[in-house]
């Protein structure tokens, strides 16, 4: 099964190269099926509103986004948390984080990036984030919270690149974001470390094989992949989104390295953004809540209160 997965991933890479060199600008990009869906506890309503975007709510309202405008068919006047998922996120893990917000009457939009989209950002993550930014622009949920995990921090950074390229249009959208949370955030430096482990979590041989390929991919396809990772990383460090940030990390996490999040934290603080930083001595990548549930909730809800998003209930 894992050998098949490696073959499929590498075929996607090869296919991506052909797409980038042969597709005209008017040709629609390859549509990828989400790698993870969100299963929720009884009472929550879960539905796909667009490719790789799952809407989760306590209200049973049928929603669909117009594929051209990204506008929902119903007006929703509730706060919204946008969860930027980690690679190959498991549904039973994602639902735990969504529930943190549903418990406070937020709706949740779960956004998933596939391996193919990460490897070919011009036709992958950038297309996904352009749609997400439009979704944020045309729909009425307010205020907005962003909760990113691992590579989800990079995907959010690609959205910021879109916003910077048209600040007059999109800065008001970013100004509706009242709270930012990044758990085990990973950037360009961690892609060769974390990507193979996410795709092949139990096979060290295939991890190393795929890691070698990823390093080669980033060298050979600098102009169609790596330069986009670098640009997004730079914009993330100098974010146009001014909402207070919370960073959740661990000293033992090699993928979402503490020093990377600390560097972003320090850059944001220097620019005047209020930030909180929580670092555990020992905790696995994107599993801090699972291993430290009470401390995690306390850090999250305290930050949200500081952002004016929660009442005394916590």
Protein backbone atom coordinates (compact mmCIF):
# COMPACT_ATOMS: atom_id res chain seq x y z
CA UNK A 1 0.00 0.00 0.00
CA UNK A 2 2.77 2.46 0.91
CA UNK A 3 4.75 1.55 -2.18
CA UNK A 4 1.60 2.26 -4.21
CA UNK A 5 1.23 5.60 -2.39
CA UNK A 6 4.81 6.55 -3.24
CA UNK A 7 4.27 5.64 -6.89
CA UNK A 8 1.07 7.66 -6.98
CA UNK A 9 2.74 10.68 -5.37
CA UNK A 10 5.67 10.59 -7.77
CA UNK A 11 3.30 10.22 -10.74
CA UNK A 12 1.47 13.29 -9.46
CA UNK A 13 4.81 15.09 -9.40
CA UNK A 14 5.63 14.04 -12.94
CA UNK A 15 2.14 14.95 -14.09
CA UNK A 16 2.48 18.30 -12.37
CA UNK A 17 5.66 19.03 -14.32
CA UNK A 18 3.88 18.27 -17.61
CA UNK A 19 0.90 20.41 -16.60
CA UNK A 20 3.09 23.37 -15.75
CA UNK A 21 4.98 23.17 -19.03
CA UNK A 22 2.06 22.38 -21.36
CA UNK A 23 -1.13 23.93 -19.97
CA UNK A 24 -2.21 27.27 -21.28
CA UNK A 25 -3.26 29.97 -18.84
CA UNK A 26 -6.91 29.45 -19.76
CA UNK A 27 -6.93 25.74 -18.94
CA UNK A 28 -8.55 24.92 -15.56
CA UNK A 29 -6.09 23.45 -13.02
CA UNK A 30 -6.26 19.84 -11.95
CA UNK A 31 -8.89 19.35 -9.25
CA UNK A 32 -7.67 17.20 -6.35
CA UNK A 33 -9.82 15.15 -4.04
CA UNK A 34 -9.35 16.08 -0.36
CA UNK A 35 -7.13 13.66 1.53
CA UNK A 36 -9.14 14.02 4.72
CA UNK A 37 -12.72 14.65 5.64
CA UNK A 38 -13.97 15.81 8.99
CA UNK A 39 -16.15 13.48 11.01
CA UNK A 40 -17.99 15.23 13.83
CA UNK A 41 -19.73 14.25 17.01
CA UNK A 42 -23.50 13.95 16.96
CA UNK A 43 -25.18 17.33 16.60
CA UNK A 44 -22.63 18.96 14.28
CA UNK A 45 -23.47 19.34 10.60
CA UNK A 46 -20.62 18.73 8.14
CA UNK A 47 -20.72 19.43 4.41
CA UNK A 48 -18.35 20.09 1.53
CA UNK A 49 -18.94 23.59 0.17
CA UNK A 50 -16.09 23.57 -2.37
CA UNK A 51 -13.06 21.51 -3.36
CA UNK A 52 -10.96 20.86 -0.24
CA UNK A 53 -13.25 23.03 1.93
CA UNK A 54 -15.57 21.49 4.51
CA UNK A 55 -18.05 23.63 6.46
CA UNK A 56 -18.90 22.51 10.00
CA UNK A 57 -21.69 24.04 12.06
CA UNK A 58 -24.06 23.38 14.93
CA UNK A 59 -26.82 24.57 12.58
CA UNK A 60 -28.23 22.19 10.01
CA UNK A 61 -28.27 24.57 7.05
CA UNK A 62 -27.51 23.25 3.56
CA UNK A 63 -24.65 25.28 2.13
CA UNK A 64 -22.81 25.40 -1.17
CA UNK A 65 -20.35 27.93 -2.52
CA UNK A 66 -20.75 29.26 -6.05
CA UNK A 67 -17.64 27.97 -7.87
CA UNK A 68 -17.08 31.31 -9.61
CA UNK A 69 -17.79 33.82 -6.84
CA UNK A 70 -17.34 31.54 -3.77
CA UNK A 71 -20.45 33.11 -2.25
CA UNK A 72 -22.55 30.79 -0.11
CA UNK A 73 -26.19 30.27 -0.95
CA UNK A 74 -27.15 31.38 2.59
CA UNK A 75 -26.11 34.38 4.68
CA UNK A 76 -24.44 33.28 7.92
CA UNK A 77 -24.10 35.81 10.73
CA UNK A 78 -21.77 33.92 13.04
CA UNK A 79 -18.06 34.00 13.88
CA UNK A 80 -16.01 31.61 11.77
CA UNK A 81 -12.80 29.71 12.48
CA UNK A 82 -10.80 28.75 9.40
CA UNK A 83 -8.80 25.60 10.21
CA UNK A 84 -5.81 25.18 7.91
CA UNK A 85 -5.15 21.46 8.22
CA UNK A 86 -1.85 19.63 8.44
CA UNK A 87 -0.86 17.22 5.68
CA UNK A 88 -2.77 13.92 5.69
CA UNK A 89 -4.83 15.04 8.68
CA UNK A 90 -6.92 12.29 10.23
CA UNK A 91 -10.63 13.07 10.64
CA UNK A 92 -10.81 12.00 14.29
CA UNK A 93 -7.99 14.43 15.10
CA UNK A 94 -9.36 17.38 13.11
CA UNK A 95 -12.79 17.05 14.70
CA UNK A 96 -11.33 17.58 18.17
CA UNK A 97 -10.05 21.01 17.17
CA UNK A 98 -13.26 21.96 15.39
CA UNK A 99 -15.19 21.11 18.55
CA UNK A 100 -13.16 23.68 20.49
CA UNK A 101 -14.86 26.35 18.40
CA UNK A 102 -18.27 24.74 17.98
CA UNK A 103 -18.54 24.71 21.77
CA UNK A 104 -18.50 28.51 21.62
CA UNK A 105 -21.00 28.78 18.77
CA UNK A 106 -18.44 29.37 16.02
CA UNK A 107 -18.81 27.82 12.62
CA UNK A 108 -15.70 26.13 11.21
CA UNK A 109 -14.29 25.97 7.70
CA UNK A 110 -11.82 23.08 7.39
CA UNK A 111 -9.33 23.61 4.54
CA UNK A 112 -7.17 20.74 3.26
CA UNK A 113 -4.06 20.85 1.09
CA UNK A 114 -3.08 17.73 -0.84
CA UNK A 115 0.49 16.54 -1.49
CA UNK A 116 0.13 17.44 -5.17
CA UNK A 117 -1.02 20.96 -4.32
CA UNK A 118 1.97 21.46 -2.03
CA UNK A 119 4.47 20.22 -4.61
CA UNK A 120 3.11 22.42 -7.41
CA UNK A 121 2.01 25.66 -5.70
CA UNK A 122 1.23 27.67 -8.85
CA UNK A 123 -1.45 25.16 -9.84
CA UNK A 124 -2.11 23.89 -6.31
CA UNK A 125 -1.90 25.89 -3.09
CA UNK A 126 -2.15 29.24 -4.86
CA UNK A 127 -5.37 28.24 -6.61
CA UNK A 128 -6.76 26.88 -3.34
CA UNK A 129 -5.90 30.01 -1.36
CA UNK A 130 -7.21 32.36 -4.04
CA UNK A 131 -10.58 30.61 -3.69
CA UNK A 132 -10.37 30.77 0.10
CA UNK A 133 -9.59 34.49 0.04
CA UNK A 134 -12.58 35.08 -2.23
CA UNK A 135 -14.71 33.03 0.15
CA UNK A 136 -13.64 35.27 3.02
CA UNK A 137 -14.28 38.37 0.95
CA UNK A 138 -17.82 37.68 -0.24
CA UNK A 139 -19.35 35.92 2.76
CA UNK A 140 -20.67 37.54 5.90
CA UNK A 141 -19.13 35.54 8.76
CA UNK A 142 -17.50 37.92 11.20
CA UNK A 143 -15.20 38.01 13.07
CA UNK A 144 -12.78 35.50 11.60
CA UNK A 145 -10.23 33.30 13.38
CA UNK A 146 -7.42 31.40 11.66
CA UNK A 147 -6.11 28.21 13.28
CA UNK A 148 -3.27 26.71 11.24
CA UNK A 149 -1.40 23.45 11.75
CA UNK A 150 2.01 22.49 10.37
CA UNK A 151 1.98 23.02 6.59
CA UNK A 152 -1.33 24.84 7.03
CA UNK A 153 0.77 27.83 8.13
CA UNK A 154 2.47 27.81 4.72
CA UNK A 155 -0.86 27.47 2.93
CA UNK A 156 -2.18 30.48 4.87
CA UNK A 157 0.98 32.34 3.85
CA UNK A 158 0.12 31.75 0.19
CA UNK A 159 -3.21 33.46 0.89
CA UNK A 160 -1.31 36.40 2.37
CA UNK A 161 0.73 36.65 -0.84
CA UNK A 162 -2.52 37.05 -2.81
CA UNK A 163 -3.66 39.74 -0.37
CA UNK A 164 -0.37 41.66 -0.60
CA UNK A 165 -0.60 41.65 -4.38
CA UNK A 166 -3.93 43.51 -4.18
CA UNK A 167 -3.88 45.30 -0.83
CA UNK A 168 -6.61 47.80 -1.70
CA UNK A 169 -9.07 44.98 -2.30
CA UNK A 170 -8.02 42.42 0.29
CA UNK A 171 -6.66 44.34 3.27
CA UNK A 172 -10.24 44.94 4.51
CA UNK A 173 -10.74 41.17 4.37
CA UNK A 174 -7.65 40.52 6.49
CA UNK A 175 -8.78 43.23 8.90
CA UNK A 176 -11.82 41.07 9.70
CA UNK A 177 -9.47 38.43 11.13
CA UNK A 178 -9.53 39.00 14.89
CA UNK A 179 -7.38 36.08 16.05
CA UNK A 180 -4.53 33.96 14.67
CA UNK A 181 -3.39 30.61 16.09
CA UNK A 182 -0.54 28.51 14.70
CA UNK A 183 0.11 25.04 16.06
CA UNK A 184 3.39 23.36 15.03
CA UNK A 185 3.81 25.79 12.14
CA UNK A 186 6.13 24.63 9.34
CA UNK A 187 7.69 26.61 6.50
CA UNK A 188 10.07 25.98 3.59
CA UNK A 189 12.81 24.69 5.89
CA UNK A 190 10.60 21.91 7.27
CA UNK A 191 9.07 20.68 4.00
CA UNK A 192 11.74 17.96 3.46
CA UNK A 193 11.48 17.00 7.14
CA UNK A 194 7.74 16.79 7.69
CA UNK A 195 6.26 16.08 4.24
CA UNK A 196 7.69 12.54 3.86
CA UNK A 197 6.74 11.65 7.45
CA UNK A 198 3.16 12.76 6.84
CA UNK A 199 2.80 10.71 3.65
CA UNK A 200 4.59 7.60 5.00
CA UNK A 201 4.23 7.74 8.79
CA UNK A 202 5.21 4.10 9.40
CA UNK A 203 7.81 3.37 6.74
CA UNK A 204 11.27 4.85 7.34
CA UNK A 205 12.63 3.56 4.04
CA UNK A 206 9.95 5.24 1.95
CA UNK A 207 10.28 8.38 4.07
CA UNK A 208 13.96 8.64 3.19
CA UNK A 209 13.30 7.82 -0.46
CA UNK A 210 10.60 10.48 -0.71
CA UNK A 211 12.72 12.96 1.28
CA UNK A 212 15.50 12.57 -1.28
CA UNK A 213 13.00 13.22 -4.05
CA UNK A 214 11.58 16.32 -2.30
CA UNK A 215 15.06 17.82 -1.90
CA UNK A 216 15.74 17.17 -5.59
CA UNK A 217 12.32 18.56 -6.50
CA UNK A 218 13.06 21.80 -4.64
CA UNK A 219 16.39 22.19 -6.45
CA UNK A 220 15.27 21.25 -9.95
CA UNK A 221 11.94 23.08 -9.84
CA UNK A 222 13.10 26.22 -8.08
CA UNK A 223 11.14 28.53 -10.39
CA UNK A 224 7.86 26.64 -10.19
CA UNK A 225 7.98 25.50 -6.56
CA UNK A 226 10.77 26.63 -4.25
CA UNK A 227 10.66 30.34 -5.06
CA UNK A 228 6.97 30.32 -4.12
CA UNK A 229 7.75 28.65 -0.79
CA UNK A 230 10.39 31.32 -0.14
CA UNK A 231 8.07 34.19 -1.03
CA UNK A 232 5.27 32.87 1.15
CA UNK A 233 7.65 32.35 4.08
CA UNK A 234 8.87 35.93 3.80
CA UNK A 235 5.33 37.33 3.67
CA UNK A 236 4.34 35.21 6.68
CA UNK A 237 7.19 36.74 8.69
CA UNK A 238 6.02 40.24 7.66
CA UNK A 239 2.31 39.51 7.67
CA UNK A 240 -0.27 42.09 6.57
CA UNK A 241 -2.76 40.39 8.92
CA UNK A 242 -2.54 42.36 12.17
CA UNK A 243 -4.64 40.13 14.43
CA UNK A 244 -2.99 38.94 17.67
CA UNK A 245 -1.11 35.66 17.26
CA UNK A 246 -0.77 32.57 19.44
CA UNK A 247 2.04 30.10 18.74
CA UNK A 248 1.79 26.55 20.12
CA UNK A 249 5.01 24.53 19.84
CA UNK A 250 7.19 21.89 21.45
CA UNK A 251 10.92 21.64 22.07
CA UNK A 252 10.91 18.05 20.75
CA UNK A 253 9.03 18.77 17.51
CA UNK A 254 11.52 18.67 14.62
CA UNK A 255 8.90 19.43 11.96
CA UNK A 256 7.25 22.46 13.51
CA UNK A 257 10.53 23.60 14.99
CA UNK A 258 10.34 25.92 17.99
CA UNK A 259 13.00 28.25 16.56
CA UNK A 260 10.98 28.83 13.38
CA UNK A 261 7.84 29.81 15.28
CA UNK A 262 9.93 31.90 17.67
CA UNK A 263 11.42 33.76 14.72
CA UNK A 264 7.95 34.55 13.35
CA UNK A 265 6.73 35.53 16.83
CA UNK A 266 9.64 37.93 17.31
CA UNK A 267 9.13 39.47 13.86
CA UNK A 268 5.45 40.05 14.55
CA UNK A 269 6.13 41.57 17.97
CA UNK A 270 8.67 43.97 16.44
CA UNK A 271 6.02 45.10 13.97
CA UNK A 272 3.57 45.80 16.79
CA UNK A 273 1.39 42.67 16.66
CA UNK A 274 0.41 41.31 20.06
CA UNK A 275 1.50 37.70 20.48
CA UNK A 276 1.44 34.81 22.95
CA UNK A 277 3.82 31.86 22.88
CA UNK A 278 3.29 28.44 24.48
CA UNK A 279 6.08 25.85 24.31
CA UNK A 280 5.89 22.36 25.83
CA UNK A 281 9.06 20.52 26.81
CA UNK A 282 7.85 17.32 25.18
CA UNK A 283 4.96 16.91 22.76
CA UNK A 284 4.57 15.37 19.25
CA UNK A 285 3.98 17.34 16.07
CA UNK A 286 0.36 18.64 15.81
CA UNK A 287 -0.62 16.55 18.83
CA UNK A 288 -0.16 19.11 21.59
CA UNK A 289 -3.88 19.20 22.36
CA UNK A 290 -4.03 15.41 22.55
CA UNK A 291 -1.13 15.26 25.03
CA UNK A 292 -1.86 18.47 26.97
CA UNK A 293 -5.62 19.08 26.61
CA UNK A 294 -6.18 21.36 29.60
CA UNK A 295 -3.10 23.50 29.01
CA UNK A 296 -3.96 23.74 25.32
CA UNK A 297 -7.52 24.87 25.98
CA UNK A 298 -6.36 27.34 28.60
CA UNK A 299 -3.81 28.89 26.21
CA UNK A 300 -6.29 29.00 23.32
CA UNK A 301 -9.27 30.37 25.22
CA UNK A 302 -7.15 32.91 27.10
CA UNK A 303 -5.84 34.19 23.77
CA UNK A 304 -9.33 34.32 22.29
CA UNK A 305 -10.56 36.30 25.31
CA UNK A 306 -7.75 38.78 24.79
CA UNK A 307 -8.97 39.10 21.20
CA UNK A 308 -12.49 39.83 22.45
CA UNK A 309 -13.95 36.63 20.97
CA UNK A 310 -15.11 34.83 24.11
CA UNK A 311 -17.32 35.71 27.01
CA UNK A 312 -16.63 34.43 30.53
CA UNK A 313 -17.72 30.89 29.51
CA UNK A 314 -14.63 28.77 28.74
